[in-house]
Amino acid sequence: TDLPRIVKRINTEFEIVLDQKMVLTEVE
């Protein structure tokens, strides 16, 4: 629940496209 909202906000603020699945599997 939290991570998708964080990734969406990151993508908006930094004008980038992070893949949510990649963040879920690679970020600790």
PDB file of all heavy atoms in Angstrom:
ATOM      1  N   THR A   1       0.799  -1.226   0.000  1.00  0.00           N
ATOM      2  CA  THR A   1       0.000   0.000   0.000  1.00  0.00           C
ATOM      3  C   THR A   1       0.835   1.282   0.000  1.00  0.00           C
ATOM      4  O   THR A   1       0.569   2.193  -0.769  1.00  0.00           O
ATOM      5  CB  THR A   1      -0.971   0.030   1.204  1.00  0.00           C
ATOM      6  OG1 THR A   1      -0.215  -0.113   2.410  1.00  0.00           O
ATOM      7  CG2 THR A   1      -2.006  -1.071   1.091  1.00  0.00           C
ATOM      8  N   ASP A   2       1.844   1.342   0.865  1.00  0.00           N
ATOM      9  CA  ASP A   2       2.651   2.560   0.971  1.00  0.00           C
ATOM     10  C   ASP A   2       3.599   2.729  -0.212  1.00  0.00           C
ATOM     11  O   ASP A   2       3.740   3.823  -0.753  1.00  0.00           O
ATOM     12  CB  ASP A   2       3.482   2.558   2.261  1.00  0.00           C
ATOM     13  CG  ASP A   2       2.627   2.652   3.509  1.00  0.00           C
ATOM     14  OD1 ASP A   2       1.526   3.218   3.430  1.00  0.00           O
ATOM     15  OD2 ASP A   2       3.062   2.155   4.562  1.00  0.00           O
ATOM     16  N   LEU A   3       4.252   1.638  -0.610  1.00  0.00           N
ATOM     17  CA  LEU A   3       5.266   1.733  -1.661  1.00  0.00           C
ATOM     18  C   LEU A   3       4.718   2.234  -2.994  1.00  0.00           C
ATOM     19  O   LEU A   3       5.340   3.096  -3.613  1.00  0.00           O
ATOM     20  CB  LEU A   3       5.999   0.403  -1.811  1.00  0.00           C
ATOM     21  CG  LEU A   3       7.472   0.482  -2.151  1.00  0.00           C
ATOM     22  CD1 LEU A   3       8.219   1.491  -1.300  1.00  0.00           C
ATOM     23  CD2 LEU A   3       8.127  -0.873  -2.061  1.00  0.00           C
ATOM     24  N   PRO A   4       3.558   1.756  -3.449  1.00  0.00           N
ATOM     25  CA  PRO A   4       3.030   2.303  -4.706  1.00  0.00           C
ATOM     26  C   PRO A   4       2.779   3.811  -4.642  1.00  0.00           C
ATOM     27  O   PRO A   4       3.063   4.532  -5.605  1.00  0.00           O
ATOM     28  CB  PRO A   4       1.717   1.540  -4.909  1.00  0.00           C
ATOM     29  CG  PRO A   4       1.921   0.253  -4.188  1.00  0.00           C
ATOM     30  CD  PRO A   4       2.774   0.606  -2.990  1.00  0.00           C
ATOM     31  N   ARG A   5       2.306   4.298  -3.506  1.00  0.00           N
ATOM     32  CA  ARG A   5       2.080   5.752  -3.358  1.00  0.00           C
ATOM     33  C   ARG A   5       3.402   6.509  -3.363  1.00  0.00           C
ATOM     34  O   ARG A   5       3.509   7.586  -3.950  1.00  0.00           O
ATOM     35  CB  ARG A   5       1.316   6.057  -2.055  1.00  0.00           C
ATOM     36  CG  ARG A   5      -0.107   5.550  -2.060  1.00  0.00           C
ATOM     37  CD  ARG A   5      -0.875   5.909  -0.802  1.00  0.00           C
ATOM     38  NE  ARG A   5      -0.085   5.652   0.392  1.00  0.00           N
ATOM     39  CZ  ARG A   5      -0.075   6.420   1.475  1.00  0.00           C
ATOM     40  NH1 ARG A   5      -0.798   7.501   1.535  1.00  0.00           N
ATOM     41  NH2 ARG A   5       0.669   6.116   2.519  1.00  0.00           N
ATOM     42  N   ILE A   6       4.404   5.944  -2.705  1.00  0.00           N
ATOM     43  CA  ILE A   6       5.722   6.582  -2.660  1.00  0.00           C
ATOM     44  C   ILE A   6       6.325   6.627  -4.061  1.00  0.00           C
ATOM     45  O   ILE A   6       6.835   7.663  -4.498  1.00  0.00           O
ATOM     46  CB  ILE A   6       6.643   5.855  -1.655  1.00  0.00           C
ATOM     47  CG1 ILE A   6       6.145   6.087  -0.226  1.00  0.00           C
ATOM     48  CG2 ILE A   6       8.090   6.312  -1.807  1.00  0.00           C
ATOM     49  CD1 ILE A   6       6.801   5.208   0.829  1.00  0.00           C
ATOM     50  N   VAL A   7       6.256   5.505  -4.790  1.00  0.00           N
ATOM     51  CA  VAL A   7       6.815   5.447  -6.148  1.00  0.00           C
ATOM     52  C   VAL A   7       6.099   6.427  -7.069  1.00  0.00           C
ATOM     53  O   VAL A   7       6.741   7.139  -7.853  1.00  0.00           O
ATOM     54  CB  VAL A   7       6.759   4.000  -6.707  1.00  0.00           C
ATOM     55  CG1 VAL A   7       7.116   3.977  -8.191  1.00  0.00           C
ATOM     56  CG2 VAL A   7       7.694   3.097  -5.919  1.00  0.00           C
ATOM     57  N   LYS A   8       4.786   6.510  -6.954  1.00  0.00           N
ATOM     58  CA  LYS A   8       4.016   7.443  -7.790  1.00  0.00           C
ATOM     59  C   LYS A   8       4.460   8.880  -7.529  1.00  0.00           C
ATOM     60  O   LYS A   8       4.663   9.667  -8.458  1.00  0.00           O
ATOM     61  CB  LYS A   8       2.520   7.276  -7.513  1.00  0.00           C
ATOM     62  CG  LYS A   8       1.640   8.118  -8.392  1.00  0.00           C
ATOM     63  CD  LYS A   8       0.172   7.854  -8.124  1.00  0.00           C
ATOM     64  CE  LYS A   8      -0.686   8.719  -9.017  1.00  0.00           C
ATOM     65  NZ  LYS A   8      -2.106   8.514  -8.778  1.00  0.00           N
ATOM     66  N   ARG A   9       4.618   9.221  -6.273  1.00  0.00           N
ATOM     67  CA  ARG A   9       5.036  10.579  -5.899  1.00  0.00           C
ATOM     68  C   ARG A   9       6.465  10.863  -6.364  1.00  0.00           C
ATOM     69  O   ARG A   9       6.765  11.947  -6.860  1.00  0.00           O
ATOM     70  CB  ARG A   9       4.911  10.745  -4.393  1.00  0.00           C
ATOM     71  CG  ARG A   9       5.351  12.069  -3.856  1.00  0.00           C
ATOM     72  CD  ARG A   9       4.210  13.088  -3.819  1.00  0.00           C
ATOM     73  NE  ARG A   9       4.640  14.243  -3.084  1.00  0.00           N
ATOM     74  CZ  ARG A   9       4.458  14.408  -1.770  1.00  0.00           C
ATOM     75  NH1 ARG A   9       3.796  13.518  -1.070  1.00  0.00           N
ATOM     76  NH2 ARG A   9       4.926  15.472  -1.175  1.00  0.00           N
ATOM     77  N   ILE A  10       7.356   9.873  -6.228  1.00  0.00           N
ATOM     78  CA  ILE A  10       8.735  10.012  -6.700  1.00  0.00           C
ATOM     79  C   ILE A  10       8.734  10.279  -8.199  1.00  0.00           C
ATOM     80  O   ILE A  10       9.411  11.179  -8.683  1.00  0.00           O
ATOM     81  CB  ILE A  10       9.564   8.754  -6.367  1.00  0.00           C
ATOM     82  CG1 ILE A  10       9.869   8.698  -4.868  1.00  0.00           C
ATOM     83  CG2 ILE A  10      10.849   8.699  -7.192  1.00  0.00           C
ATOM     84  CD1 ILE A  10      10.421   7.365  -4.405  1.00  0.00           C
ATOM     85  N   ASN A  11       7.972   9.471  -8.933  1.00  0.00           N
ATOM     86  CA  ASN A  11       7.918   9.620 -10.387  1.00  0.00           C
ATOM     87  C   ASN A  11       7.430  11.012 -10.782  1.00  0.00           C
ATOM     88  O   ASN A  11       7.965  11.613 -11.717  1.00  0.00           O
ATOM     89  CB  ASN A  11       7.030   8.541 -11.001  1.00  0.00           C
ATOM     90  CG  ASN A  11       7.685   7.178 -11.004  1.00  0.00           C
ATOM     91  OD1 ASN A  11       8.893   7.053 -10.870  1.00  0.00           O
ATOM     92  ND2 ASN A  11       6.891   6.143 -11.146  1.00  0.00           N
ATOM     93  N   THR A  12       6.452  11.523 -10.060  1.00  0.00           N
ATOM     94  CA  THR A  12       5.914  12.855 -10.350  1.00  0.00           C
ATOM     95  C   THR A  12       6.925  13.945 -10.019  1.00  0.00           C
ATOM     96  O   THR A  12       7.223  14.808 -10.841  1.00  0.00           O
ATOM     97  CB  THR A  12       4.608  13.086  -9.549  1.00  0.00           C
ATOM     98  OG1 THR A  12       3.669  12.084  -9.922  1.00  0.00           O
ATOM     99  CG2 THR A  12       4.034  14.462  -9.833  1.00  0.00           C
ATOM    100  N   GLU A  13       7.470  13.903  -8.818  1.00  0.00           N
ATOM    101  CA  GLU A  13       8.357  14.981  -8.361  1.00  0.00           C
ATOM    102  C   GLU A  13       9.700  15.019  -9.084  1.00  0.00           C
ATOM    103  O   GLU A  13      10.248  16.085  -9.312  1.00  0.00           O
ATOM    104  CB  GLU A  13       8.566  14.886  -6.852  1.00  0.00           C
ATOM    105  CG  GLU A  13       7.323  15.301  -6.096  1.00  0.00           C
ATOM    106  CD  GLU A  13       7.596  15.727  -4.675  1.00  0.00           C
ATOM    107  OE1 GLU A  13       8.729  16.109  -4.349  1.00  0.00           O
ATOM    108  OE2 GLU A  13       6.647  15.686  -3.883  1.00  0.00           O
ATOM    109  N   PHE A  14      10.231  13.849  -9.409  1.00  0.00           N
ATOM    110  CA  PHE A  14      11.539  13.806 -10.064  1.00  0.00           C
ATOM    111  C   PHE A  14      11.427  13.702 -11.584  1.00  0.00           C
ATOM    112  O   PHE A  14      12.439  13.697 -12.277  1.00  0.00           O
ATOM    113  CB  PHE A  14      12.373  12.638  -9.531  1.00  0.00           C
ATOM    114  CG  PHE A  14      12.822  12.823  -8.102  1.00  0.00           C
ATOM    115  CD1 PHE A  14      12.162  12.181  -7.066  1.00  0.00           C
ATOM    116  CD2 PHE A  14      13.903  13.635  -7.799  1.00  0.00           C
ATOM    117  CE1 PHE A  14      12.576  12.337  -5.750  1.00  0.00           C
ATOM    118  CE2 PHE A  14      14.327  13.797  -6.485  1.00  0.00           C
ATOM    119  CZ  PHE A  14      13.655  13.149  -5.459  1.00  0.00           C
ATOM    120  N   GLU A  15      10.188  13.592 -12.070  1.00  0.00           N
ATOM    121  CA  GLU A  15       9.925  13.452 -13.509  1.00  0.00           C
ATOM    122  C   GLU A  15      10.706  12.289 -14.105  1.00  0.00           C
ATOM    123  O   GLU A  15      11.423  12.418 -15.101  1.00  0.00           O
ATOM    124  CB  GLU A  15      10.222  14.754 -14.249  1.00  0.00           C
ATOM    125  CG  GLU A  15       9.344  15.895 -13.774  1.00  0.00           C
ATOM    126  CD  GLU A  15       9.638  17.211 -14.467  1.00  0.00           C
ATOM    127  OE1 GLU A  15      10.652  17.327 -15.183  1.00  0.00           O
ATOM    128  OE2 GLU A  15       8.831  18.133 -14.287  1.00  0.00           O
ATOM    129  N   ILE A  16      10.578  11.140 -13.434  1.00  0.00           N
ATOM    130  CA  ILE A  16      11.223   9.905 -13.881  1.00  0.00           C
ATOM    131  C   ILE A  16      10.158   8.807 -13.896  1.00  0.00           C
ATOM    132  O   ILE A  16       9.012   9.041 -13.509  1.00  0.00           O
ATOM    133  CB  ILE A  16      12.394   9.497 -12.950  1.00  0.00           C
ATOM    134  CG1 ILE A  16      11.911   9.304 -11.504  1.00  0.00           C
ATOM    135  CG2 ILE A  16      13.525  10.502 -13.029  1.00  0.00           C
ATOM    136  CD1 ILE A  16      12.967   8.769 -10.555  1.00  0.00           C
ATOM    137  N   VAL A  17      10.559   7.614 -14.317  1.00  0.00           N
ATOM    138  CA  VAL A  17       9.647   6.478 -14.294  1.00  0.00           C
ATOM    139  C   VAL A  17      10.344   5.290 -13.628  1.00  0.00           C
ATOM    140  O   VAL A  17      11.148   4.612 -14.249  1.00  0.00           O
ATOM    141  CB  VAL A  17       9.174   6.089 -15.719  1.00  0.00           C
ATOM    142  CG1 VAL A  17       8.229   4.896 -15.653  1.00  0.00           C
ATOM    143  CG2 VAL A  17       8.519   7.265 -16.408  1.00  0.00           C
ATOM    144  N   LEU A  18      10.041   5.116 -12.346  1.00  0.00           N
ATOM    145  CA  LEU A  18      10.526   3.937 -11.631  1.00  0.00           C
ATOM    146  C   LEU A  18       9.455   2.868 -11.745  1.00  0.00           C
ATOM    147  O   LEU A  18       8.271   3.158 -11.594  1.00  0.00           O
ATOM    148  CB  LEU A  18      10.766   4.237 -10.152  1.00  0.00           C
ATOM    149  CG  LEU A  18      11.898   5.184  -9.773  1.00  0.00           C
ATOM    150  CD1 LEU A  18      12.006   5.257  -8.257  1.00  0.00           C
ATOM    151  CD2 LEU A  18      13.215   4.749 -10.369  1.00  0.00           C
ATOM    152  N   ASP A  19       9.866   1.648 -11.988  1.00  0.00           N
ATOM    153  CA  ASP A  19       8.945   0.529 -12.075  1.00  0.00           C
ATOM    154  C   ASP A  19       8.638   0.026 -10.667  1.00  0.00           C
ATOM    155  O   ASP A  19       9.544  -0.314  -9.916  1.00  0.00           O
ATOM    156  CB  ASP A  19       9.574  -0.579 -12.915  1.00  0.00           C
ATOM    157  CG  ASP A  19       8.658  -1.771 -13.047  1.00  0.00           C
ATOM    158  OD1 ASP A  19       7.797  -1.740 -13.939  1.00  0.00           O
ATOM    159  OD2 ASP A  19       8.810  -2.711 -12.247  1.00  0.00           O
ATOM    160  N   GLN A  20       7.344  -0.012 -10.311  1.00  0.00           N
ATOM    161  CA  GLN A  20       6.955  -0.422  -8.961  1.00  0.00           C
ATOM    162  C   GLN A  20       7.420  -1.832  -8.627  1.00  0.00           C
ATOM    163  O   GLN A  20       7.860  -2.094  -7.520  1.00  0.00           O
ATOM    164  CB  GLN A  20       5.439  -0.340  -8.801  1.00  0.00           C
ATOM    165  CG  GLN A  20       4.973   1.064  -8.525  1.00  0.00           C
ATOM    166  CD  GLN A  20       3.486   1.122  -8.300  1.00  0.00           C
ATOM    167  OE1 GLN A  20       2.780   1.632  -9.132  1.00  0.00           O
ATOM    168  NE2 GLN A  20       3.010   0.615  -7.202  1.00  0.00           N
ATOM    169  N   LYS A  21       7.322  -2.747  -9.577  1.00  0.00           N
ATOM    170  CA  LYS A  21       7.735  -4.125  -9.309  1.00  0.00           C
ATOM    171  C   LYS A  21       9.232  -4.190  -9.042  1.00  0.00           C
ATOM    172  O   LYS A  21       9.675  -4.941  -8.182  1.00  0.00           O
ATOM    173  CB  LYS A  21       7.349  -5.035 -10.477  1.00  0.00           C
ATOM    174  CG  LYS A  21       5.863  -5.282 -10.540  1.00  0.00           C
ATOM    175  CD  LYS A  21       5.481  -6.185 -11.685  1.00  0.00           C
ATOM    176  CE  LYS A  21       3.970  -6.341 -11.694  1.00  0.00           C
ATOM    177  NZ  LYS A  21       3.463  -6.788 -12.978  1.00  0.00           N
ATOM    178  N   MET A  22      10.002  -3.399  -9.779  1.00  0.00           N
ATOM    179  CA  MET A  22      11.445  -3.376  -9.570  1.00  0.00           C
ATOM    180  C   MET A  22      11.768  -2.813  -8.189  1.00  0.00           C
ATOM    181  O   MET A  22      12.628  -3.337  -7.479  1.00  0.00           O
ATOM    182  CB  MET A  22      12.141  -2.531 -10.650  1.00  0.00           C
ATOM    183  CG  MET A  22      13.656  -2.629 -10.596  1.00  0.00           C
ATOM    184  SD  MET A  22      14.515  -1.552 -11.749  1.00  0.00           S
ATOM    185  CE  MET A  22      13.930  -2.158 -13.304  1.00  0.00           C
ATOM    186  N   VAL A  23      11.063  -1.767  -7.802  1.00  0.00           N
ATOM    187  CA  VAL A  23      11.270  -1.182  -6.473  1.00  0.00           C
ATOM    188  C   VAL A  23      10.934  -2.217  -5.400  1.00  0.00           C
ATOM    189  O   VAL A  23      11.683  -2.397  -4.440  1.00  0.00           O
ATOM    190  CB  VAL A  23      10.434   0.104  -6.298  1.00  0.00           C
ATOM    191  CG1 VAL A  23      10.491   0.592  -4.862  1.00  0.00           C
ATOM    192  CG2 VAL A  23      10.913   1.194  -7.250  1.00  0.00           C
ATOM    193  N   LEU A  24       9.826  -2.927  -5.577  1.00  0.00           N
ATOM    194  CA  LEU A  24       9.414  -3.940  -4.607  1.00  0.00           C
ATOM    195  C   LEU A  24      10.454  -5.045  -4.440  1.00  0.00           C
ATOM    196  O   LEU A  24      10.696  -5.505  -3.326  1.00  0.00           O
ATOM    197  CB  LEU A  24       8.094  -4.590  -5.047  1.00  0.00           C
ATOM    198  CG  LEU A  24       6.818  -3.963  -4.512  1.00  0.00           C
ATOM    199  CD1 LEU A  24       5.605  -4.549  -5.211  1.00  0.00           C
ATOM    200  CD2 LEU A  24       6.692  -4.125  -3.015  1.00  0.00           C
ATOM    201  N   THR A  25      11.076  -5.452  -5.536  1.00  0.00           N
ATOM    202  CA  THR A  25      11.998  -6.581  -5.471  1.00  0.00           C
ATOM    203  C   THR A  25      13.444  -6.177  -5.181  1.00  0.00           C
ATOM    204  O   THR A  25      14.204  -6.970  -4.638  1.00  0.00           O
ATOM    205  CB  THR A  25      11.970  -7.402  -6.774  1.00  0.00           C
ATOM    206  OG1 THR A  25      12.298  -6.556  -7.869  1.00  0.00           O
ATOM    207  CG2 THR A  25      10.616  -8.027  -6.992  1.00  0.00           C
ATOM    208  N   GLU A  26      13.838  -4.949  -5.535  1.00  0.00           N
ATOM    209  CA  GLU A  26      15.247  -4.571  -5.430  1.00  0.00           C
ATOM    210  C   GLU A  26      15.579  -3.578  -4.328  1.00  0.00           C
ATOM    211  O   GLU A  26      16.739  -3.360  -4.023  1.00  0.00           O
ATOM    212  CB  GLU A  26      15.727  -4.009  -6.775  1.00  0.00           C
ATOM    213  CG  GLU A  26      15.695  -5.032  -7.889  1.00  0.00           C
ATOM    214  CD  GLU A  26      16.218  -4.488  -9.201  1.00  0.00           C
ATOM    215  OE1 GLU A  26      16.892  -3.436  -9.206  1.00  0.00           O
ATOM    216  OE2 GLU A  26      15.938  -5.122 -10.232  1.00  0.00           O
ATOM    217  N   VAL A  27      14.576  -2.967  -3.738  1.00  0.00           N
ATOM    218  CA  VAL A  27      14.840  -1.907  -2.752  1.00  0.00           C
ATOM    219  C   VAL A  27      14.546  -2.407  -1.338  1.00  0.00           C
ATOM    220  O   VAL A  27      13.458  -2.893  -1.058  1.00  0.00           O
ATOM    221  CB  VAL A  27      13.981  -0.654  -3.075  1.00  0.00           C
ATOM    222  CG1 VAL A  27      14.073   0.358  -1.945  1.00  0.00           C
ATOM    223  CG2 VAL A  27      14.425  -0.030  -4.383  1.00  0.00           C
ATOM    224  N   GLU A  28      15.543  -2.257  -0.484  1.00  0.00           N
ATOM    225  CA  GLU A  28      15.368  -2.621   0.916  1.00  0.00           C
ATOM    226  C   GLU A  28      15.533  -1.395   1.825  1.00  0.00           C
ATOM    227  O   GLU A  28      14.812  -1.232   2.801  1.00  0.00           O
ATOM    228  CB  GLU A  28      16.380  -3.691   1.306  1.00  0.00           C
ATOM    229  CG  GLU A  28      16.180  -4.215   2.704  1.00  0.00           C
ATOM    230  CD  GLU A  28      17.074  -5.402   3.011  1.00  0.00           C
ATOM    231  OE1 GLU A  28      17.314  -6.226   2.119  1.00  0.00           O
ATOM    232  OE2 GLU A  28      17.541  -5.480   4.167  1.00  0.00           O
TER     233      GLU A  28
END
